[in-house]
Amino acid sequence: MGIVKCGIATSLDGFVAGPGQSAENPFGEGVGDLLHRWMFEQPDDHAQEIAALNTAGAYVMGRNMFGPGRGEWDLEWKGWWGPEPPYHAPVFVLTHHEREPVVAQGGTTFTFVTDGIDSALKLAREAAGDQDVAIAGGAATINQYLAAGAIDELWLHIAPVTLGAGERLFDTAGRLTLEPLSVRTTDLVTHLRYRVHTPAPSPEPADE
Protein backbone atom coordinates (compact mmCIF):
# COMPACT_ATOMS: atom_id res chain seq x y z
CA MET A 1 0.00 0.00 0.00
CA GLY A 2 1.22 3.49 -0.81
CA ILE A 3 1.53 6.40 1.57
CA VAL A 4 -0.72 9.42 2.12
CA LYS A 5 1.18 12.48 0.99
CA CYS A 6 0.53 16.18 0.61
CA GLY A 7 2.38 18.75 -1.47
CA ILE A 8 1.44 22.41 -1.24
CA ALA A 9 2.90 25.79 -2.19
CA THR A 10 2.96 28.27 0.67
CA SER A 11 4.24 31.70 1.60
CA LEU A 12 6.93 32.21 4.23
CA ASP A 13 4.22 33.09 6.75
CA GLY A 14 2.29 29.89 6.04
CA PHE A 15 -0.53 31.00 3.74
CA VAL A 16 -1.48 28.80 0.80
CA ALA A 17 -3.93 31.41 -0.54
CA GLY A 18 -4.72 35.02 0.21
CA PRO A 19 -8.06 36.55 1.24
CA GLY A 20 -10.92 37.11 -1.17
CA GLN A 21 -10.71 33.92 -3.22
CA SER A 22 -13.09 33.91 -6.17
CA ALA A 23 -13.42 32.56 -9.70
CA GLU A 24 -11.46 35.60 -10.89
CA ASN A 25 -8.83 35.30 -8.12
CA PRO A 26 -8.48 31.61 -7.26
CA PHE A 27 -5.47 32.22 -4.99
CA GLY A 28 -6.91 35.37 -3.40
CA GLU A 29 -6.89 39.05 -4.25
CA GLY A 30 -3.50 40.38 -5.26
CA VAL A 31 -1.79 36.98 -5.01
CA GLY A 32 -1.82 35.83 -8.63
CA ASP A 33 1.12 33.50 -9.26
CA LEU A 34 3.26 34.70 -6.34
CA LEU A 35 3.32 31.26 -4.73
CA HIS A 36 3.69 29.35 -7.99
CA ARG A 37 6.19 31.34 -10.08
CA TRP A 38 8.66 28.45 -9.79
CA MET A 39 6.17 26.16 -11.54
CA PHE A 40 5.43 28.49 -14.43
CA GLU A 41 8.73 30.34 -14.91
CA GLN A 42 11.17 27.50 -14.20
CA PRO A 43 9.34 24.24 -14.97
CA ASP A 44 12.47 22.42 -16.15
CA ASP A 45 14.34 23.29 -12.94
CA HIS A 46 11.50 21.91 -10.82
CA ALA A 47 10.30 19.02 -12.96
CA GLN A 48 10.65 16.46 -10.16
CA GLU A 49 8.61 18.50 -7.69
CA ILE A 50 5.94 19.36 -10.26
CA ALA A 51 5.63 15.69 -11.23
CA ALA A 52 5.28 14.70 -7.57
CA LEU A 53 2.29 17.03 -7.16
CA ASN A 54 0.44 15.21 -9.94
CA THR A 55 1.55 11.63 -9.33
CA ALA A 56 -0.82 9.60 -7.16
CA GLY A 57 -3.31 6.82 -7.52
CA ALA A 58 -6.11 8.99 -6.08
CA TYR A 59 -6.62 12.45 -4.60
CA VAL A 60 -8.70 14.10 -1.88
CA MET A 61 -9.52 17.81 -1.95
CA GLY A 62 -11.84 20.26 -0.24
CA ARG A 63 -14.68 21.96 -2.02
CA ASN A 64 -12.77 25.25 -2.11
CA MET A 65 -10.01 23.51 -4.04
CA PHE A 66 -12.55 22.37 -6.63
CA GLY A 67 -14.33 25.68 -7.04
CA PRO A 68 -15.24 29.01 -5.45
CA GLY A 69 -18.94 28.36 -4.80
CA ARG A 70 -20.75 27.66 -1.54
CA GLY A 71 -24.14 26.20 -0.82
CA GLU A 72 -25.94 24.29 -3.57
CA TRP A 73 -23.85 23.39 -6.60
CA ASP A 74 -23.68 25.36 -9.82
CA LEU A 75 -23.77 22.31 -12.06
CA GLU A 76 -22.14 24.22 -14.90
CA TRP A 77 -18.94 24.46 -12.82
CA LYS A 78 -16.60 21.53 -13.61
CA GLY A 79 -13.46 22.74 -11.81
CA TRP A 80 -10.65 25.25 -12.35
CA TRP A 81 -8.66 23.16 -14.81
CA GLY A 82 -10.60 23.07 -18.05
CA PRO A 83 -11.63 19.89 -19.87
CA GLU A 84 -8.51 17.89 -18.91
CA PRO A 85 -7.43 18.34 -15.25
CA PRO A 86 -3.85 17.39 -14.32
CA TYR A 87 -4.79 14.52 -11.99
CA HIS A 88 -5.56 11.66 -14.42
CA ALA A 89 -6.93 9.64 -11.49
CA PRO A 90 -9.97 9.53 -9.19
CA VAL A 91 -10.45 12.70 -7.10
CA PHE A 92 -12.70 12.75 -4.02
CA VAL A 93 -14.10 16.18 -3.16
CA LEU A 94 -15.27 16.94 0.38
CA THR A 95 -18.60 18.77 0.45
CA HIS A 96 -21.85 19.11 2.39
CA HIS A 97 -23.93 19.07 -0.80
CA GLU A 98 -24.54 15.99 -2.93
CA ARG A 99 -23.63 16.00 -6.59
CA GLU A 100 -23.27 13.37 -9.29
CA PRO A 101 -19.67 12.56 -10.29
CA VAL A 102 -18.02 14.76 -12.91
CA VAL A 103 -16.09 12.80 -15.54
CA ALA A 104 -13.33 14.79 -17.25
CA GLN A 105 -10.90 14.00 -20.02
CA GLY A 106 -7.66 12.17 -19.33
CA GLY A 107 -8.92 9.75 -16.70
CA THR A 108 -9.99 12.21 -13.98
CA THR A 109 -13.33 11.63 -12.26
CA PHE A 110 -14.46 13.93 -9.43
CA THR A 111 -16.59 12.13 -6.85
CA PHE A 112 -18.32 14.24 -4.20
CA VAL A 113 -18.18 12.90 -0.63
CA THR A 114 -20.63 14.20 1.97
CA ASP A 115 -19.78 12.04 4.99
CA GLY A 116 -16.43 13.42 6.09
CA ILE A 117 -12.67 13.10 5.79
CA ASP A 118 -12.45 9.47 6.95
CA SER A 119 -14.87 8.31 4.29
CA ALA A 120 -13.10 10.30 1.56
CA LEU A 121 -9.72 8.87 2.52
CA LYS A 122 -11.10 5.32 2.64
CA LEU A 123 -12.52 5.71 -0.87
CA ALA A 124 -9.25 7.22 -2.10
CA ARG A 125 -7.19 4.36 -0.64
CA GLU A 126 -9.45 1.81 -2.29
CA ALA A 127 -9.21 3.61 -5.62
CA ALA A 128 -5.43 4.03 -5.39
CA GLY A 129 -4.67 0.39 -4.65
CA ASP A 130 -0.92 0.08 -4.12
CA GLN A 131 -0.26 3.67 -5.21
CA ASP A 132 -0.04 6.80 -3.05
CA VAL A 133 -2.99 8.95 -2.06
CA ALA A 134 -2.46 12.73 -2.26
CA ILE A 135 -4.28 15.32 -0.15
CA ALA A 136 -4.51 18.14 -2.68
CA GLY A 137 -5.77 21.03 -0.51
CA GLY A 138 -6.78 23.58 0.42
CA ALA A 139 -5.48 24.59 3.83
CA ALA A 140 -8.57 23.64 5.86
CA THR A 141 -8.64 20.15 4.35
CA ILE A 142 -4.91 19.60 4.87
CA ASN A 143 -5.18 20.81 8.46
CA GLN A 144 -7.98 18.33 9.16
CA TYR A 145 -5.95 15.41 7.84
CA LEU A 146 -2.84 16.55 9.72
CA ALA A 147 -4.86 16.81 12.95
CA ALA A 148 -6.19 13.30 12.33
CA GLY A 149 -2.65 11.93 11.92
CA ALA A 150 -3.51 10.72 8.42
CA ILE A 151 -0.67 12.31 6.38
CA ASP A 152 2.60 10.39 6.14
CA GLU A 153 4.68 12.87 4.14
CA LEU A 154 4.34 16.63 3.74
CA TRP A 155 6.06 18.46 0.88
CA LEU A 156 6.18 22.24 1.36
CA HIS A 157 7.13 24.48 -1.56
CA ILE A 158 7.89 27.77 0.19
CA ALA A 159 7.94 30.93 -1.93
CA PRO A 160 10.06 33.83 -0.59
CA VAL A 161 7.06 36.11 -0.05
CA THR A 162 4.67 36.89 2.79
CA LEU A 163 0.91 37.35 2.35
CA GLY A 164 -0.14 38.47 5.84
CA ALA A 165 -3.64 36.99 5.63
CA GLY A 166 -5.65 34.27 3.94
CA GLU A 167 -5.90 30.50 4.19
CA ARG A 168 -3.17 29.36 6.57
CA LEU A 169 -1.53 25.98 6.92
CA PHE A 170 -1.18 24.41 10.42
CA ASP A 171 -3.68 26.75 12.15
CA THR A 172 -5.87 23.87 13.36
CA ALA A 173 -3.49 20.97 12.80
CA GLY A 174 -2.44 20.62 16.42
CA ARG A 175 0.97 19.50 17.59
CA LEU A 176 3.17 17.77 14.99
CA THR A 177 6.76 16.62 14.74
CA LEU A 178 8.20 16.92 11.23
CA GLU A 179 11.23 14.79 10.37
CA PRO A 180 13.26 16.40 7.55
CA LEU A 181 13.82 14.10 4.57
CA SER A 182 15.16 16.50 1.94
CA VAL A 183 15.61 20.19 1.12
CA ARG A 184 16.39 22.01 -2.11
CA THR A 185 16.48 25.76 -2.69
CA THR A 186 16.39 28.00 -5.77
CA ASP A 187 15.81 31.72 -6.12
CA LEU A 188 12.02 31.26 -6.36
CA VAL A 189 11.27 28.45 -3.91
CA THR A 190 12.54 26.19 -1.15
CA HIS A 191 11.35 22.60 -1.41
CA LEU A 192 11.06 20.87 1.97
CA ARG A 193 10.04 17.25 2.35
CA TYR A 194 9.05 15.93 5.79
CA ARG A 195 7.85 12.73 7.36
CA VAL A 196 4.96 13.63 9.67
CA HIS A 197 4.77 12.30 13.22
CA THR A 198 1.81 13.03 15.46
CA PRO A 199 2.46 12.79 19.20
CA ALA A 200 1.15 9.79 21.06
CA PRO A 201 -1.83 10.63 23.29
CA SER A 202 -1.02 11.25 26.91
CA PRO A 203 -1.72 8.20 29.10
CA GLU A 204 -4.81 8.33 31.23
CA PRO A 205 -3.97 8.94 34.90
CA ALA A 206 -4.11 5.79 37.01
CA ASP A 207 -6.86 5.47 39.58
CA GLU A 208 -5.71 6.22 43.10
C-alpha atoms as a PDB file:
ATOM      1  CA  MET A   1       0.000   0.000   0.000  1.00  0.00           C
ATOM      2  CA  GLY A   2       1.219   3.485  -0.815  1.00  0.00           C
ATOM      3  CA  ILE A   3       1.533   6.397   1.569  1.00  0.00           C
ATOM      4  CA  VAL A   4      -0.718   9.416   2.120  1.00  0.00           C
ATOM      5  CA  LYS A   5       1.184  12.482   0.986  1.00  0.00           C
ATOM      6  CA  CYS A   6       0.528  16.179   0.612  1.00  0.00           C
ATOM      7  CA  GLY A   7       2.382  18.747  -1.472  1.00  0.00           C
ATOM      8  CA  ILE A   8       1.437  22.410  -1.244  1.00  0.00           C
ATOM      9  CA  ALA A   9       2.898  25.786  -2.194  1.00  0.00           C
ATOM     10  CA  THR A  10       2.960  28.271   0.667  1.00  0.00           C
ATOM     11  CA  SER A  11       4.240  31.705   1.597  1.00  0.00           C
ATOM     12  CA  LEU A  12       6.929  32.213   4.229  1.00  0.00           C
ATOM     13  CA  ASP A  13       4.219  33.093   6.750  1.00  0.00           C
ATOM     14  CA  GLY A  14       2.292  29.891   6.042  1.00  0.00           C
ATOM     15  CA  PHE A  15      -0.527  31.004   3.744  1.00  0.00           C
ATOM     16  CA  VAL A  16      -1.482  28.805   0.802  1.00  0.00           C
ATOM     17  CA  ALA A  17      -3.931  31.412  -0.539  1.00  0.00           C
ATOM     18  CA  GLY A  18      -4.723  35.021   0.209  1.00  0.00           C
ATOM     19  CA  PRO A  19      -8.063  36.552   1.243  1.00  0.00           C
ATOM     20  CA  GLY A  20     -10.920  37.111  -1.174  1.00  0.00           C
ATOM     21  CA  GLN A  21     -10.710  33.922  -3.219  1.00  0.00           C
ATOM     22  CA  SER A  22     -13.093  33.907  -6.174  1.00  0.00           C
ATOM     23  CA  ALA A  23     -13.417  32.564  -9.696  1.00  0.00           C
ATOM     24  CA  GLU A  24     -11.463  35.604 -10.890  1.00  0.00           C
ATOM     25  CA  ASN A  25      -8.827  35.303  -8.119  1.00  0.00           C
ATOM     26  CA  PRO A  26      -8.481  31.606  -7.259  1.00  0.00           C
ATOM     27  CA  PHE A  27      -5.470  32.219  -4.991  1.00  0.00           C
ATOM     28  CA  GLY A  28      -6.913  35.372  -3.401  1.00  0.00           C
ATOM     29  CA  GLU A  29      -6.890  39.051  -4.245  1.00  0.00           C
ATOM     30  CA  GLY A  30      -3.502  40.380  -5.257  1.00  0.00           C
ATOM     31  CA  VAL A  31      -1.793  36.982  -5.009  1.00  0.00           C
ATOM     32  CA  GLY A  32      -1.818  35.834  -8.631  1.00  0.00           C
ATOM     33  CA  ASP A  33       1.118  33.502  -9.258  1.00  0.00           C
ATOM     34  CA  LEU A  34       3.265  34.698  -6.340  1.00  0.00           C
ATOM     35  CA  LEU A  35       3.320  31.260  -4.730  1.00  0.00           C
ATOM     36  CA  HIS A  36       3.690  29.347  -7.989  1.00  0.00           C
ATOM     37  CA  ARG A  37       6.194  31.337 -10.077  1.00  0.00           C
ATOM     38  CA  TRP A  38       8.658  28.455  -9.787  1.00  0.00           C
ATOM     39  CA  MET A  39       6.170  26.161 -11.536  1.00  0.00           C
ATOM     40  CA  PHE A  40       5.427  28.493 -14.434  1.00  0.00           C
ATOM     41  CA  GLU A  41       8.728  30.337 -14.909  1.00  0.00           C
ATOM     42  CA  GLN A  42      11.166  27.497 -14.200  1.00  0.00           C
ATOM     43  CA  PRO A  43       9.337  24.237 -14.974  1.00  0.00           C
ATOM     44  CA  ASP A  44      12.470  22.423 -16.154  1.00  0.00           C
ATOM     45  CA  ASP A  45      14.341  23.288 -12.942  1.00  0.00           C
ATOM     46  CA  HIS A  46      11.505  21.909 -10.819  1.00  0.00           C
ATOM     47  CA  ALA A  47      10.296  19.020 -12.964  1.00  0.00           C
ATOM     48  CA  GLN A  48      10.646  16.463 -10.156  1.00  0.00           C
ATOM     49  CA  GLU A  49       8.611  18.498  -7.688  1.00  0.00           C
ATOM     50  CA  ILE A  50       5.937  19.357 -10.260  1.00  0.00           C
ATOM     51  CA  ALA A  51       5.626  15.694 -11.227  1.00  0.00           C
ATOM     52  CA  ALA A  52       5.277  14.698  -7.566  1.00  0.00           C
ATOM     53  CA  LEU A  53       2.285  17.029  -7.161  1.00  0.00           C
ATOM     54  CA  ASN A  54       0.438  15.213  -9.942  1.00  0.00           C
ATOM     55  CA  THR A  55       1.554  11.628  -9.327  1.00  0.00           C
ATOM     56  CA  ALA A  56      -0.816   9.603  -7.160  1.00  0.00           C
ATOM     57  CA  GLY A  57      -3.310   6.821  -7.522  1.00  0.00           C
ATOM     58  CA  ALA A  58      -6.107   8.987  -6.081  1.00  0.00           C
ATOM     59  CA  TYR A  59      -6.616  12.448  -4.595  1.00  0.00           C
ATOM     60  CA  VAL A  60      -8.700  14.099  -1.880  1.00  0.00           C
ATOM     61  CA  MET A  61      -9.522  17.811  -1.946  1.00  0.00           C
ATOM     62  CA  GLY A  62     -11.839  20.259  -0.239  1.00  0.00           C
ATOM     63  CA  ARG A  63     -14.680  21.963  -2.020  1.00  0.00           C
ATOM     64  CA  ASN A  64     -12.773  25.254  -2.105  1.00  0.00           C
ATOM     65  CA  MET A  65     -10.005  23.514  -4.044  1.00  0.00           C
ATOM     66  CA  PHE A  66     -12.545  22.366  -6.630  1.00  0.00           C
ATOM     67  CA  GLY A  67     -14.327  25.675  -7.038  1.00  0.00           C
ATOM     68  CA  PRO A  68     -15.240  29.014  -5.451  1.00  0.00           C
ATOM     69  CA  GLY A  69     -18.939  28.365  -4.804  1.00  0.00           C
ATOM     70  CA  ARG A  70     -20.747  27.660  -1.537  1.00  0.00           C
ATOM     71  CA  GLY A  71     -24.141  26.198  -0.823  1.00  0.00           C
ATOM     72  CA  GLU A  72     -25.944  24.288  -3.569  1.00  0.00           C
ATOM     73  CA  TRP A  73     -23.847  23.388  -6.596  1.00  0.00           C
ATOM     74  CA  ASP A  74     -23.682  25.362  -9.817  1.00  0.00           C
ATOM     75  CA  LEU A  75     -23.772  22.307 -12.057  1.00  0.00           C
ATOM     76  CA  GLU A  76     -22.141  24.220 -14.897  1.00  0.00           C
ATOM     77  CA  TRP A  77     -18.938  24.464 -12.819  1.00  0.00           C
ATOM     78  CA  LYS A  78     -16.605  21.532 -13.614  1.00  0.00           C
ATOM     79  CA  GLY A  79     -13.459  22.743 -11.807  1.00  0.00           C
ATOM     80  CA  TRP A  80     -10.651  25.246 -12.345  1.00  0.00           C
ATOM     81  CA  TRP A  81      -8.657  23.160 -14.805  1.00  0.00           C
ATOM     82  CA  GLY A  82     -10.602  23.066 -18.053  1.00  0.00           C
ATOM     83  CA  PRO A  83     -11.634  19.893 -19.865  1.00  0.00           C
ATOM     84  CA  GLU A  84      -8.505  17.888 -18.909  1.00  0.00           C
ATOM     85  CA  PRO A  85      -7.434  18.339 -15.253  1.00  0.00           C
ATOM     86  CA  PRO A  86      -3.853  17.389 -14.322  1.00  0.00           C
ATOM     87  CA  TYR A  87      -4.795  14.517 -11.990  1.00  0.00           C
ATOM     88  CA  HIS A  88      -5.562  11.659 -14.423  1.00  0.00           C
ATOM     89  CA  ALA A  89      -6.927   9.643 -11.493  1.00  0.00           C
ATOM     90  CA  PRO A  90      -9.970   9.531  -9.189  1.00  0.00           C
ATOM     91  CA  VAL A  91     -10.449  12.696  -7.105  1.00  0.00           C
ATOM     92  CA  PHE A  92     -12.698  12.749  -4.020  1.00  0.00           C
ATOM     93  CA  VAL A  93     -14.097  16.184  -3.162  1.00  0.00           C
ATOM     94  CA  LEU A  94     -15.271  16.940   0.379  1.00  0.00           C
ATOM     95  CA  THR A  95     -18.600  18.766   0.449  1.00  0.00           C
ATOM     96  CA  HIS A  96     -21.849  19.113   2.392  1.00  0.00           C
ATOM     97  CA  HIS A  97     -23.926  19.065  -0.797  1.00  0.00           C
ATOM     98  CA  GLU A  98     -24.537  15.994  -2.925  1.00  0.00           C
ATOM     99  CA  ARG A  99     -23.628  15.999  -6.587  1.00  0.00           C
ATOM    100  CA  GLU A 100     -23.272  13.373  -9.288  1.00  0.00           C
ATOM    101  CA  PRO A 101     -19.675  12.556 -10.293  1.00  0.00           C
ATOM    102  CA  VAL A 102     -18.015  14.761 -12.909  1.00  0.00           C
ATOM    103  CA  VAL A 103     -16.087  12.798 -15.541  1.00  0.00           C
ATOM    104  CA  ALA A 104     -13.333  14.789 -17.248  1.00  0.00           C
ATOM    105  CA  GLN A 105     -10.903  14.001 -20.020  1.00  0.00           C
ATOM    106  CA  GLY A 106      -7.660  12.165 -19.327  1.00  0.00           C
ATOM    107  CA  GLY A 107      -8.924   9.750 -16.696  1.00  0.00           C
ATOM    108  CA  THR A 108      -9.988  12.212 -13.980  1.00  0.00           C
ATOM    109  CA  THR A 109     -13.330  11.631 -12.256  1.00  0.00           C
ATOM    110  CA  PHE A 110     -14.457  13.932  -9.432  1.00  0.00           C
ATOM    111  CA  THR A 111     -16.592  12.128  -6.848  1.00  0.00           C
ATOM    112  CA  PHE A 112     -18.316  14.239  -4.201  1.00  0.00           C
ATOM    113  CA  VAL A 113     -18.181  12.902  -0.631  1.00  0.00           C
ATOM    114  CA  THR A 114     -20.626  14.201   1.970  1.00  0.00           C
ATOM    115  CA  ASP A 115     -19.776  12.044   4.994  1.00  0.00           C
ATOM    116  CA  GLY A 116     -16.425  13.415   6.092  1.00  0.00           C
ATOM    117  CA  ILE A 117     -12.669  13.098   5.791  1.00  0.00           C
ATOM    118  CA  ASP A 118     -12.447   9.475   6.950  1.00  0.00           C
ATOM    119  CA  SER A 119     -14.874   8.309   4.289  1.00  0.00           C
ATOM    120  CA  ALA A 120     -13.103  10.299   1.561  1.00  0.00           C
ATOM    121  CA  LEU A 121      -9.720   8.869   2.525  1.00  0.00           C
ATOM    122  CA  LYS A 122     -11.097   5.324   2.642  1.00  0.00           C
ATOM    123  CA  LEU A 123     -12.520   5.708  -0.867  1.00  0.00           C
ATOM    124  CA  ALA A 124      -9.252   7.215  -2.100  1.00  0.00           C
ATOM    125  CA  ARG A 125      -7.193   4.357  -0.637  1.00  0.00           C
ATOM    126  CA  GLU A 126      -9.453   1.805  -2.287  1.00  0.00           C
ATOM    127  CA  ALA A 127      -9.214   3.610  -5.621  1.00  0.00           C
ATOM    128  CA  ALA A 128      -5.426   4.028  -5.387  1.00  0.00           C
ATOM    129  CA  GLY A 129      -4.674   0.386  -4.652  1.00  0.00           C
ATOM    130  CA  ASP A 130      -0.923   0.075  -4.119  1.00  0.00           C
ATOM    131  CA  GLN A 131      -0.263   3.666  -5.207  1.00  0.00           C
ATOM    132  CA  ASP A 132      -0.036   6.796  -3.055  1.00  0.00           C
ATOM    133  CA  VAL A 133      -2.990   8.949  -2.060  1.00  0.00           C
ATOM    134  CA  ALA A 134      -2.460  12.729  -2.262  1.00  0.00           C
ATOM    135  CA  ILE A 135      -4.278  15.322  -0.151  1.00  0.00           C
ATOM    136  CA  ALA A 136      -4.513  18.142  -2.677  1.00  0.00           C
ATOM    137  CA  GLY A 137      -5.767  21.031  -0.514  1.00  0.00           C
ATOM    138  CA  GLY A 138      -6.782  23.576   0.417  1.00  0.00           C
ATOM    139  CA  ALA A 139      -5.482  24.585   3.831  1.00  0.00           C
ATOM    140  CA  ALA A 140      -8.575  23.637   5.857  1.00  0.00           C
ATOM    141  CA  THR A 141      -8.640  20.150   4.347  1.00  0.00           C
ATOM    142  CA  ILE A 142      -4.911  19.602   4.869  1.00  0.00           C
ATOM    143  CA  ASN A 143      -5.182  20.809   8.464  1.00  0.00           C
ATOM    144  CA  GLN A 144      -7.984  18.328   9.160  1.00  0.00           C
ATOM    145  CA  TYR A 145      -5.949  15.410   7.841  1.00  0.00           C
ATOM    146  CA  LEU A 146      -2.845  16.555   9.724  1.00  0.00           C
ATOM    147  CA  ALA A 147      -4.855  16.808  12.947  1.00  0.00           C
ATOM    148  CA  ALA A 148      -6.186  13.297  12.326  1.00  0.00           C
ATOM    149  CA  GLY A 149      -2.655  11.926  11.919  1.00  0.00           C
ATOM    150  CA  ALA A 150      -3.510  10.723   8.421  1.00  0.00           C
ATOM    151  CA  ILE A 151      -0.674  12.307   6.377  1.00  0.00           C
ATOM    152  CA  ASP A 152       2.598  10.387   6.140  1.00  0.00           C
ATOM    153  CA  GLU A 153       4.677  12.873   4.141  1.00  0.00           C
ATOM    154  CA  LEU A 154       4.342  16.635   3.736  1.00  0.00           C
ATOM    155  CA  TRP A 155       6.062  18.460   0.880  1.00  0.00           C
ATOM    156  CA  LEU A 156       6.182  22.238   1.365  1.00  0.00           C
ATOM    157  CA  HIS A 157       7.126  24.478  -1.559  1.00  0.00           C
ATOM    158  CA  ILE A 158       7.892  27.772   0.190  1.00  0.00           C
ATOM    159  CA  ALA A 159       7.943  30.930  -1.931  1.00  0.00           C
ATOM    160  CA  PRO A 160      10.063  33.829  -0.588  1.00  0.00           C
ATOM    161  CA  VAL A 161       7.058  36.110  -0.050  1.00  0.00           C
ATOM    162  CA  THR A 162       4.665  36.894   2.792  1.00  0.00           C
ATOM    163  CA  LEU A 163       0.905  37.353   2.349  1.00  0.00           C
ATOM    164  CA  GLY A 164      -0.139  38.467   5.842  1.00  0.00           C
ATOM    165  CA  ALA A 165      -3.641  36.985   5.632  1.00  0.00           C
ATOM    166  CA  GLY A 166      -5.648  34.274   3.935  1.00  0.00           C
ATOM    167  CA  GLU A 167      -5.902  30.495   4.189  1.00  0.00           C
ATOM    168  CA  ARG A 168      -3.171  29.357   6.569  1.00  0.00           C
ATOM    169  CA  LEU A 169      -1.528  25.982   6.925  1.00  0.00           C
ATOM    170  CA  PHE A 170      -1.185  24.409  10.417  1.00  0.00           C
ATOM    171  CA  ASP A 171      -3.681  26.754  12.148  1.00  0.00           C
ATOM    172  CA  THR A 172      -5.870  23.874  13.364  1.00  0.00           C
ATOM    173  CA  ALA A 173      -3.491  20.971  12.800  1.00  0.00           C
ATOM    174  CA  GLY A 174      -2.445  20.617  16.418  1.00  0.00           C
ATOM    175  CA  ARG A 175       0.967  19.497  17.593  1.00  0.00           C
ATOM    176  CA  LEU A 176       3.165  17.769  14.989  1.00  0.00           C
ATOM    177  CA  THR A 177       6.761  16.621  14.740  1.00  0.00           C
ATOM    178  CA  LEU A 178       8.202  16.920  11.227  1.00  0.00           C
ATOM    179  CA  GLU A 179      11.231  14.788  10.370  1.00  0.00           C
ATOM    180  CA  PRO A 180      13.258  16.397   7.554  1.00  0.00           C
ATOM    181  CA  LEU A 181      13.817  14.097   4.567  1.00  0.00           C
ATOM    182  CA  SER A 182      15.157  16.503   1.942  1.00  0.00           C
ATOM    183  CA  VAL A 183      15.606  20.190   1.124  1.00  0.00           C
ATOM    184  CA  ARG A 184      16.390  22.012  -2.109  1.00  0.00           C
ATOM    185  CA  THR A 185      16.483  25.763  -2.691  1.00  0.00           C
ATOM    186  CA  THR A 186      16.387  27.996  -5.769  1.00  0.00           C
ATOM    187  CA  ASP A 187      15.808  31.723  -6.121  1.00  0.00           C
ATOM    188  CA  LEU A 188      12.020  31.256  -6.365  1.00  0.00           C
ATOM    189  CA  VAL A 189      11.267  28.453  -3.907  1.00  0.00           C
ATOM    190  CA  THR A 190      12.542  26.192  -1.154  1.00  0.00           C
ATOM    191  CA  HIS A 191      11.351  22.595  -1.411  1.00  0.00           C
ATOM    192  CA  LEU A 192      11.061  20.873   1.969  1.00  0.00           C
ATOM    193  CA  ARG A 193      10.040  17.247   2.355  1.00  0.00           C
ATOM    194  CA  TYR A 194       9.051  15.927   5.786  1.00  0.00           C
ATOM    195  CA  ARG A 195       7.848  12.732   7.361  1.00  0.00           C
ATOM    196  CA  VAL A 196       4.962  13.635   9.669  1.00  0.00           C
ATOM    197  CA  HIS A 197       4.774  12.304  13.219  1.00  0.00           C
ATOM    198  CA  THR A 198       1.814  13.031  15.465  1.00  0.00           C
ATOM    199  CA  PRO A 199       2.458  12.791  19.203  1.00  0.00           C
ATOM    200  CA  ALA A 200       1.153   9.789  21.056  1.00  0.00           C
ATOM    201  CA  PRO A 201      -1.829  10.632  23.285  1.00  0.00           C
ATOM    202  CA  SER A 202      -1.018  11.250  26.914  1.00  0.00           C
ATOM    203  CA  PRO A 203      -1.724   8.199  29.100  1.00  0.00           C
ATOM    204  CA  GLU A 204      -4.815   8.328  31.231  1.00  0.00           C
ATOM    205  CA  PRO A 205      -3.974   8.942  34.903  1.00  0.00           C
ATOM    206  CA  ALA A 206      -4.110   5.793  37.015  1.00  0.00           C
ATOM    207  CA  ASP A 207      -6.861   5.470  39.579  1.00  0.00           C
ATOM    208  CA  GLU A 208      -5.714   6.216  43.099  1.00  0.00           C
END
